[in-house]
């Protein structure tokens, strides 16, 4: 039998074996923290066939992504339980360093998985955003120092991170303010020539 024919036969058998109940059982195992390959293996179904079925079924794909989020939560939930386990001690009261390293590895693996599955919640990357996820707004007052605009303060320029905005003040005022800033920077009082 050719390899192409064997693949077609496997796909036909997989489709005959596939059912909503089977997929629900696989996704339930995944939601409990098990990877897809092990969940499929436990249900005697091929992960490759699961992927094939998922590409064809949008509802199954949505359920899969929900199961991934639940898996991340399950892995993150295990972190505290693992960390709280007391390491065994030998007859002299010494802690087994191998056990501690093993537990650290278990914690790191679960943190890594959770960070990859739910990066916004468990990821290490810190991202600053403005209102509604927009850019961060930096306000500079008349001294040119970044800060928060005070009520009644005159703002020289607004700067979006990565982007400059043109000041709405008249050009004449802007020029005088810039001259004053240059004089202050040179150690002279503004307007003293």
Foldseek 3Di string as FASTA:
>chain_A
DDPVVVVVVLLVVLVVVDDPVLLVQLLVVLLLQDDSCVSCVVSVHHSVSVVVVCVVDVVSVVSNLVSLLSNLVNLVVCLVVLVPDDADADPVRDGDVVSVVVSVVSNVVSLVSSCVSPVVVRNPDDDDADPPRHFDKWWAFLLRDTDDDDVPTDTLFIATVVGGDHDPDDPVVNVLSVQQNVCVVVVHHRPDD
